Protein backbone atom coordinates (compact mmCIF):
# COMPACT_ATOMS: atom_id res chain seq x y z
CA UNK A 1 -101.67 -29.73 -15.70
CA UNK A 2 -99.36 -26.78 -15.08
CA UNK A 3 -96.25 -27.58 -13.09
CA UNK A 4 -93.57 -25.51 -11.44
CA UNK A 5 -89.80 -25.84 -11.22
CA UNK A 6 -87.31 -23.50 -9.65
CA UNK A 7 -83.61 -23.15 -9.01
CA UNK A 8 -81.37 -20.61 -7.38
CA UNK A 9 -78.87 -18.42 -9.22
CA UNK A 10 -76.34 -16.06 -7.67
CA UNK A 11 -77.40 -13.03 -9.76
CA UNK A 12 -81.02 -13.75 -10.67
CA UNK A 13 -82.17 -15.09 -7.31
CA UNK A 14 -84.72 -17.88 -7.51
CA UNK A 15 -85.76 -18.62 -11.09
CA UNK A 16 -89.32 -19.98 -11.17
CA UNK A 17 -90.69 -21.76 -14.26
CA UNK A 18 -94.39 -22.50 -14.82
CA UNK A 19 -96.03 -24.51 -17.58
CA UNK A 20 -96.30 -27.98 -19.03
CA UNK A 21 -95.65 -29.80 -22.26
CA UNK A 22 -99.36 -29.65 -23.06
CA UNK A 23 -99.67 -25.88 -22.62
CA UNK A 24 -96.12 -24.61 -23.12
CA UNK A 25 -94.07 -22.36 -20.88
CA UNK A 26 -96.34 -19.73 -19.35
CA UNK A 27 -94.03 -17.91 -16.91
CA UNK A 28 -90.41 -17.39 -15.95
CA UNK A 29 -90.02 -15.25 -12.84
CA UNK A 30 -87.17 -13.95 -10.73
CA UNK A 31 -88.12 -14.35 -7.06
CA UNK A 32 -86.39 -13.52 -3.81
CA UNK A 33 -87.33 -16.83 -2.18
CA UNK A 34 -88.42 -20.37 -3.02
CA UNK A 35 -92.21 -20.57 -3.53
CA UNK A 36 -94.03 -21.77 -0.42
CA UNK A 37 -95.64 -25.21 -0.47
CA UNK A 38 -95.11 -25.70 -4.19
CA UNK A 39 -94.09 -29.26 -5.07
CA UNK A 40 -91.31 -29.39 -7.62
CA UNK A 41 -92.63 -30.79 -10.90
CA UNK A 42 -90.87 -33.77 -12.46
CA UNK A 43 -92.26 -32.82 -15.89
CA UNK A 44 -89.48 -33.52 -18.44
CA UNK A 45 -90.63 -30.39 -20.32
CA UNK A 46 -89.80 -28.09 -17.39
CA UNK A 47 -86.67 -30.08 -16.52
CA UNK A 48 -85.37 -29.50 -20.07
CA UNK A 49 -86.01 -25.76 -19.84
CA UNK A 50 -84.28 -25.63 -16.45
CA UNK A 51 -81.24 -27.40 -17.91
CA UNK A 52 -81.12 -25.04 -20.91
CA UNK A 53 -81.35 -22.00 -18.63
CA UNK A 54 -78.57 -23.27 -16.38
CA UNK A 55 -76.32 -23.80 -19.42
CA UNK A 56 -77.17 -20.32 -20.73
CA UNK A 57 -76.49 -18.76 -17.33
CA UNK A 58 -73.13 -20.57 -17.24
CA UNK A 59 -72.17 -18.74 -20.45
CA UNK A 60 -73.05 -21.31 -23.10
CA UNK A 61 -75.00 -20.40 -26.19
CA UNK A 62 -78.38 -22.14 -26.00
CA UNK A 63 -81.23 -22.40 -28.50
CA UNK A 64 -84.51 -21.47 -26.83
CA UNK A 65 -86.44 -21.24 -30.12
CA UNK A 66 -87.79 -24.79 -29.91
CA UNK A 67 -89.48 -24.25 -26.54
CA UNK A 68 -93.27 -23.97 -26.90
CA UNK A 69 -94.32 -20.68 -25.31
CA UNK A 70 -97.75 -19.72 -24.00
CA UNK A 71 -97.45 -16.23 -22.52
CA UNK A 72 -100.70 -14.57 -21.47
CA UNK A 73 -101.20 -11.06 -22.82
CA UNK A 74 -103.11 -8.84 -25.21
CA UNK A 75 -102.73 -9.13 -28.99
CA UNK A 76 -100.46 -6.10 -28.93
CA UNK A 77 -98.27 -7.59 -26.20
CA UNK A 78 -98.11 -10.89 -28.08
CA UNK A 79 -96.97 -9.05 -31.22
CA UNK A 80 -94.26 -7.22 -29.26
CA UNK A 81 -93.03 -10.45 -27.68
CA UNK A 82 -92.91 -12.16 -31.08
CA UNK A 83 -90.79 -9.27 -32.40
CA UNK A 84 -88.43 -9.60 -29.43
CA UNK A 85 -87.84 -13.24 -30.36
CA UNK A 86 -86.42 -12.03 -33.69
CA UNK A 87 -83.57 -10.13 -32.02
CA UNK A 88 -80.46 -12.26 -32.62
CA UNK A 89 -78.40 -13.65 -29.77
CA UNK A 90 -75.68 -11.24 -28.72
CA UNK A 91 -77.33 -8.21 -30.35
CA UNK A 92 -79.52 -5.42 -29.06
CA UNK A 93 -82.29 -3.40 -30.65
CA UNK A 94 -84.09 -0.22 -29.65
CA UNK A 95 -87.72 0.26 -28.71
CA UNK A 96 -87.93 2.26 -31.94
CA UNK A 97 -86.74 -0.80 -33.92
CA UNK A 98 -89.47 -2.93 -32.34
CA UNK A 99 -92.03 -0.22 -33.20
CA UNK A 100 -90.85 -0.29 -36.82
CA UNK A 101 -91.15 -4.10 -36.92
CA UNK A 102 -94.80 -3.72 -35.95
CA UNK A 103 -95.40 -0.87 -38.43
CA UNK A 104 -96.24 1.36 -35.45
CA UNK A 105 -93.47 3.98 -35.55
CA UNK A 106 -94.97 6.09 -32.74
CA UNK A 107 -95.56 3.21 -30.32
CA UNK A 108 -92.16 3.12 -28.58
CA UNK A 109 -93.63 3.93 -25.16
CA UNK A 110 -96.36 1.27 -25.47
CA UNK A 111 -93.71 -1.20 -26.63
CA UNK A 112 -91.68 -0.40 -23.54
CA UNK A 113 -94.72 -1.17 -21.38
CA UNK A 114 -95.37 -4.47 -23.20
CA UNK A 115 -91.67 -5.30 -22.87
CA UNK A 116 -91.91 -4.72 -19.12
CA UNK A 117 -94.87 -7.10 -18.86
CA UNK A 118 -93.08 -9.95 -20.62
CA UNK A 119 -93.96 -13.05 -18.55
CA UNK A 120 -91.09 -15.15 -19.95
CA UNK A 121 -87.89 -13.06 -19.75
CA UNK A 122 -84.63 -14.46 -21.11
CA UNK A 123 -86.46 -16.87 -23.44
CA UNK A 124 -88.46 -13.97 -24.84
CA UNK A 125 -85.35 -11.77 -24.82
CA UNK A 126 -86.66 -8.44 -23.55
CA UNK A 127 -83.20 -7.77 -22.08
CA UNK A 128 -81.95 -7.18 -25.65
CA UNK A 129 -84.06 -4.03 -26.01
CA UNK A 130 -82.23 -0.82 -25.12
CA UNK A 131 -82.78 2.91 -25.56
CA UNK A 132 -82.18 4.45 -28.99
CA UNK A 133 -79.15 6.31 -27.58
CA UNK A 134 -77.52 3.05 -26.50
CA UNK A 135 -78.28 3.27 -22.79
CA UNK A 136 -79.83 0.26 -21.11
CA UNK A 137 -83.23 1.73 -20.29
CA UNK A 138 -85.25 -0.26 -17.75
CA UNK A 139 -85.72 -3.89 -16.91
CA UNK A 140 -88.34 -5.49 -14.71
CA UNK A 141 -85.71 -7.64 -12.99
CA UNK A 142 -83.45 -4.61 -12.48
CA UNK A 143 -80.53 -3.21 -14.44
CA UNK A 144 -78.04 -5.49 -12.66
CA UNK A 145 -79.80 -8.51 -14.15
CA UNK A 146 -80.15 -6.87 -17.58
CA UNK A 147 -76.42 -6.05 -17.62
CA UNK A 148 -75.59 -9.58 -16.54
CA UNK A 149 -77.71 -11.14 -19.30
CA UNK A 150 -76.29 -8.85 -21.99
CA UNK A 151 -72.79 -9.66 -20.72
CA UNK A 152 -73.46 -13.38 -21.13
CA UNK A 153 -74.26 -12.81 -24.79
CA UNK A 154 -71.42 -10.40 -25.55
CA UNK A 155 -68.88 -12.00 -27.89
CA UNK A 156 -65.72 -12.94 -26.08
CA UNK A 157 -62.85 -10.85 -27.43
CA UNK A 158 -59.53 -12.43 -28.26
CA UNK A 159 -56.87 -10.70 -26.20
CA UNK A 160 -53.19 -10.79 -27.03
CA UNK A 161 -50.51 -9.63 -24.63
CA UNK A 162 -46.94 -8.62 -25.31
CA UNK A 163 -44.78 -7.89 -22.27
CA UNK A 164 -47.93 -7.66 -20.12
CA UNK A 165 -49.62 -5.08 -22.39
CA UNK A 166 -52.97 -6.08 -23.90
CA UNK A 167 -53.15 -5.57 -27.65
CA UNK A 168 -56.27 -5.21 -29.77
CA UNK A 169 -56.27 -8.00 -32.41
CA UNK A 170 -58.09 -5.65 -34.82
CA UNK A 171 -55.22 -3.14 -34.65
CA UNK A 172 -53.82 -2.86 -38.17
CA UNK A 173 -50.35 -2.16 -36.79
CA UNK A 174 -50.31 -5.57 -35.10
CA UNK A 175 -48.44 -8.14 -37.12
CA UNK A 176 -48.24 -11.75 -36.09
CA UNK A 177 -45.22 -13.69 -37.33
């Protein structure tokens, strides 16, 4: 039986999870309010996903690859979503890259549409897909959320300061004694 869990987040709003251990995760939605008259599931499967998401949203690196997924979509959409799952944490790829992964080099627009219909964002990392020119492109949850998610995955840079001036640790002129 499909259950539902939800929690509130300051940037994402209400995060709603649907699924069960028997079927897998079927949906992850960003909502503006808590679902009406929906009892909160005590399914350990959904509780585990909620915990992982909260850790991820707190800035910790989390492995979502072991979560059974059951998104509903066409064969093409399923293929796109599987390709998205191959984008490494902390990296981005273009719609063109996804098209090449599917051996459909002229399908960038259709891939963008499938990306926008992803029913399990974050876990199927559609936020990691950007325009070929490096701009963010679109995001169903809005660009504020996409920027936030990409920022969570950006490697933290070591910053050194001398007399209040930040120095780049990759600067070849910088010598540490």
